[in-house]
Amino acid sequence: MEKKNSIVRDIAIGVAVGAAVTMLRKENREKVASNARRAKTKMIEIREHAAPLKDRVKEGVQNVSTKGREMADLKVVKEKVDEIRKLTPAVVETLKETRDIFNKKKQELKESSVPTAQAEFWGTDDHAQEQADSIEQVSESEVSLEMRSNDDGAAPESLSAEKENK
């Protein structure tokens, strides 16, 4: 402990001796005096005009905090964009699978015995073909309704209603 005090004391003595040697030159004494007068004048100005300075400091702090919040908001947006970029391939794959499933159902409907059964019921092949075409149109509209993006802001229930109306 005594050694630490000795080191600090020695440093203080060295600084004092260096300052004294520096003050031997007239130019250095004048510079120090000039700087002390400027510092005194500045302190008086600050004391007399504290309100505007205080307001400027407050504005600066508010600007910094606003910028910080904006940066935080941008960070959140960037994270969401990154998340969407990661999820997009999975969503595209799911949509492709859904489209494939609907295409298979459509093909099954074409190949199924529904037109034959309708032909037997209605008695004409022309009417059965019309029924098969209407089934195909309904199937295609279901696929397009499921696959399209909902740009008009309609709820999924309205999509179901559109399917039923068609």
Protein backbone atom coordinates (compact mmCIF):
# COMPACT_ATOMS: atom_id res chain seq x y z
CA MET A 1 0.00 0.00 0.00
CA GLU A 2 2.81 2.37 0.85
CA LYS A 3 4.44 1.62 -2.49
CA LYS A 4 1.26 2.67 -4.39
CA ASN A 5 1.13 5.97 -2.51
CA SER A 6 4.79 6.48 -3.31
CA ILE A 7 4.15 5.95 -7.02
CA VAL A 8 1.19 8.34 -7.06
CA ARG A 9 3.18 10.93 -5.11
CA ASP A 10 6.13 10.57 -7.52
CA ILE A 11 3.85 11.03 -10.52
CA ALA A 12 2.30 14.16 -8.99
CA ILE A 13 5.75 15.60 -8.29
CA GLY A 14 6.83 14.85 -11.88
CA VAL A 15 3.76 16.62 -13.29
CA ALA A 16 4.35 19.65 -11.07
CA VAL A 17 8.02 19.88 -12.06
CA GLY A 18 7.13 19.51 -15.77
CA ALA A 19 4.49 22.24 -15.52
CA ALA A 20 6.94 24.54 -13.70
CA VAL A 21 9.62 24.01 -16.34
CA THR A 22 7.07 24.64 -19.09
CA MET A 23 5.99 27.91 -17.44
CA LEU A 24 9.54 29.27 -17.62
CA ARG A 25 8.93 30.29 -21.23
CA LYS A 26 6.90 33.47 -21.66
CA GLU A 27 4.96 32.13 -24.68
CA ASN A 28 3.66 29.15 -22.69
CA ARG A 29 2.62 31.41 -19.77
CA GLU A 30 0.68 33.66 -22.19
CA LYS A 31 -1.06 30.66 -23.83
CA VAL A 32 -2.08 29.26 -20.45
CA ALA A 33 -3.39 32.66 -19.31
CA SER A 34 -5.28 33.14 -22.58
CA ASN A 35 -6.86 29.68 -22.35
CA ALA A 36 -7.85 30.33 -18.72
CA ARG A 37 -9.54 33.64 -19.70
CA ARG A 38 -11.46 31.95 -22.55
CA ALA A 39 -12.58 29.16 -20.22
CA LYS A 40 -13.73 31.73 -17.64
CA THR A 41 -15.65 33.69 -20.30
CA LYS A 42 -17.28 30.54 -21.62
CA MET A 43 -18.36 29.47 -18.11
CA ILE A 44 -19.93 32.92 -17.53
CA GLU A 45 -21.80 32.68 -20.86
CA ILE A 46 -23.07 29.22 -20.00
CA ARG A 47 -24.26 30.40 -16.60
CA GLU A 48 -26.03 33.47 -18.04
CA HIS A 49 -27.59 31.65 -21.00
CA ALA A 50 -28.39 28.32 -19.38
CA ALA A 51 -31.99 28.09 -20.65
CA PRO A 52 -31.21 28.05 -24.41
CA LEU A 53 -28.35 25.67 -23.85
CA LYS A 54 -30.57 23.44 -21.74
CA ASP A 55 -33.21 23.47 -24.50
CA ARG A 56 -30.61 22.57 -27.14
CA VAL A 57 -29.38 19.69 -25.01
CA LYS A 58 -32.96 18.46 -24.50
CA GLU A 59 -33.61 18.63 -28.25
CA GLY A 60 -30.42 16.70 -28.92
CA VAL A 61 -31.38 14.01 -26.43
CA GLN A 62 -34.88 13.77 -27.92
CA ASN A 63 -33.45 13.50 -31.44
CA VAL A 64 -31.10 10.76 -30.37
CA SER A 65 -33.88 8.84 -28.60
CA THR A 66 -36.18 9.24 -31.63
CA LYS A 67 -33.46 7.96 -33.95
CA GLY A 68 -32.86 5.07 -31.57
CA ARG A 69 -36.55 4.12 -31.67
CA GLU A 70 -36.56 4.39 -35.47
CA MET A 71 -33.53 2.12 -35.64
CA ALA A 72 -35.26 -0.36 -33.34
CA ASP A 73 -38.36 -0.26 -35.56
CA LEU A 74 -36.22 -0.80 -38.64
CA LYS A 75 -34.55 -3.72 -36.92
CA VAL A 76 -37.95 -5.30 -36.25
CA VAL A 77 -38.97 -4.79 -39.88
CA LYS A 78 -35.68 -6.27 -41.09
CA GLU A 79 -36.19 -9.31 -38.85
CA LYS A 80 -39.73 -9.79 -40.24
CA VAL A 81 -38.46 -9.50 -43.82
CA ASP A 82 -35.78 -12.09 -43.08
CA GLU A 83 -38.42 -14.36 -41.54
CA ILE A 84 -40.64 -13.98 -44.61
CA ARG A 85 -37.68 -14.77 -46.88
CA LYS A 86 -37.08 -17.96 -44.93
CA LEU A 87 -40.76 -18.96 -45.02
CA THR A 88 -41.42 -18.15 -48.68
CA PRO A 89 -39.94 -21.35 -50.13
CA ALA A 90 -42.03 -23.45 -47.74
CA VAL A 91 -45.19 -21.53 -48.68
CA VAL A 92 -44.45 -21.90 -52.40
CA GLU A 93 -43.89 -25.63 -51.94
CA THR A 94 -47.19 -25.96 -50.06
CA LEU A 95 -49.03 -24.07 -52.81
CA LYS A 96 -47.49 -26.35 -55.46
CA GLU A 97 -48.55 -29.41 -53.49
CA THR A 98 -52.07 -27.99 -53.15
CA ARG A 99 -52.22 -27.29 -56.87
CA ASP A 100 -51.06 -30.85 -57.61
CA ILE A 101 -53.72 -32.28 -55.30
CA PHE A 102 -56.44 -30.25 -57.00
CA ASN A 103 -55.15 -31.29 -60.42
CA LYS A 104 -55.29 -34.95 -59.34
CA LYS A 105 -58.86 -34.47 -58.09
CA LYS A 106 -59.77 -32.82 -61.35
CA GLN A 107 -58.26 -35.71 -63.30
CA GLU A 108 -60.11 -38.20 -61.09
CA LEU A 109 -63.37 -36.37 -61.74
CA LYS A 110 -62.73 -36.52 -65.48
CA GLU A 111 -61.94 -40.22 -65.33
CA SER A 112 -64.66 -41.13 -62.86
CA SER A 113 -68.01 -42.59 -63.76
CA VAL A 114 -69.91 -39.39 -62.99
CA PRO A 115 -70.53 -38.52 -66.68
CA THR A 116 -71.61 -42.10 -67.39
CA ALA A 117 -73.99 -42.11 -64.45
CA GLN A 118 -75.37 -38.74 -65.51
CA ALA A 119 -75.76 -39.99 -69.07
CA GLU A 120 -77.80 -42.90 -67.80
CA PHE A 121 -79.88 -40.59 -65.61
CA TRP A 122 -80.49 -37.93 -68.24
CA GLY A 123 -80.52 -40.30 -71.14
CA THR A 124 -78.28 -38.30 -73.49
CA ASP A 125 -74.56 -38.12 -73.89
CA ASP A 126 -74.70 -34.38 -74.71
CA HIS A 127 -76.27 -33.53 -71.38
CA ALA A 128 -73.76 -35.76 -69.56
CA GLN A 129 -70.93 -33.94 -71.29
CA GLU A 130 -72.40 -30.58 -70.19
CA GLN A 131 -72.53 -31.85 -66.61
CA ALA A 132 -68.94 -33.09 -66.80
CA ASP A 133 -67.86 -29.70 -68.14
CA SER A 134 -69.64 -27.87 -65.31
CA ILE A 135 -67.95 -30.16 -62.76
CA GLU A 136 -64.61 -29.38 -64.39
CA GLN A 137 -65.32 -25.62 -64.25
CA VAL A 138 -66.22 -25.83 -60.55
CA SER A 139 -63.05 -27.81 -59.91
CA GLU A 140 -60.93 -25.24 -61.77
CA SER A 141 -62.56 -22.33 -59.94
CA GLU A 142 -61.85 -24.04 -56.60
CA VAL A 143 -58.21 -24.37 -57.57
CA SER A 144 -57.96 -20.76 -58.70
CA LEU A 145 -59.77 -19.51 -55.60
CA GLU A 146 -57.46 -21.43 -53.33
CA MET A 147 -54.30 -20.47 -55.23
CA ARG A 148 -54.88 -16.75 -55.80
CA SER A 149 -53.74 -14.19 -53.32
CA ASN A 150 -56.51 -12.39 -51.51
CA ASP A 151 -55.70 -8.87 -52.78
CA ASP A 152 -59.15 -7.41 -52.16
CA GLY A 153 -58.92 -8.10 -48.43
CA ALA A 154 -61.84 -10.52 -48.46
CA ALA A 155 -62.02 -13.05 -45.69
CA PRO A 156 -61.64 -16.79 -46.39
CA GLU A 157 -65.38 -17.23 -45.71
CA SER A 158 -66.16 -15.05 -48.71
CA LEU A 159 -63.98 -17.33 -50.84
CA SER A 160 -66.09 -20.27 -49.72
CA ALA A 161 -69.21 -18.30 -50.58
CA GLU A 162 -67.79 -17.54 -54.02
CA LYS A 163 -67.18 -21.27 -54.57
CA GLU A 164 -70.73 -22.14 -53.58
CA ASN A 165 -72.18 -19.46 -55.85
CA LYS A 166 -70.25 -20.75 -58.85
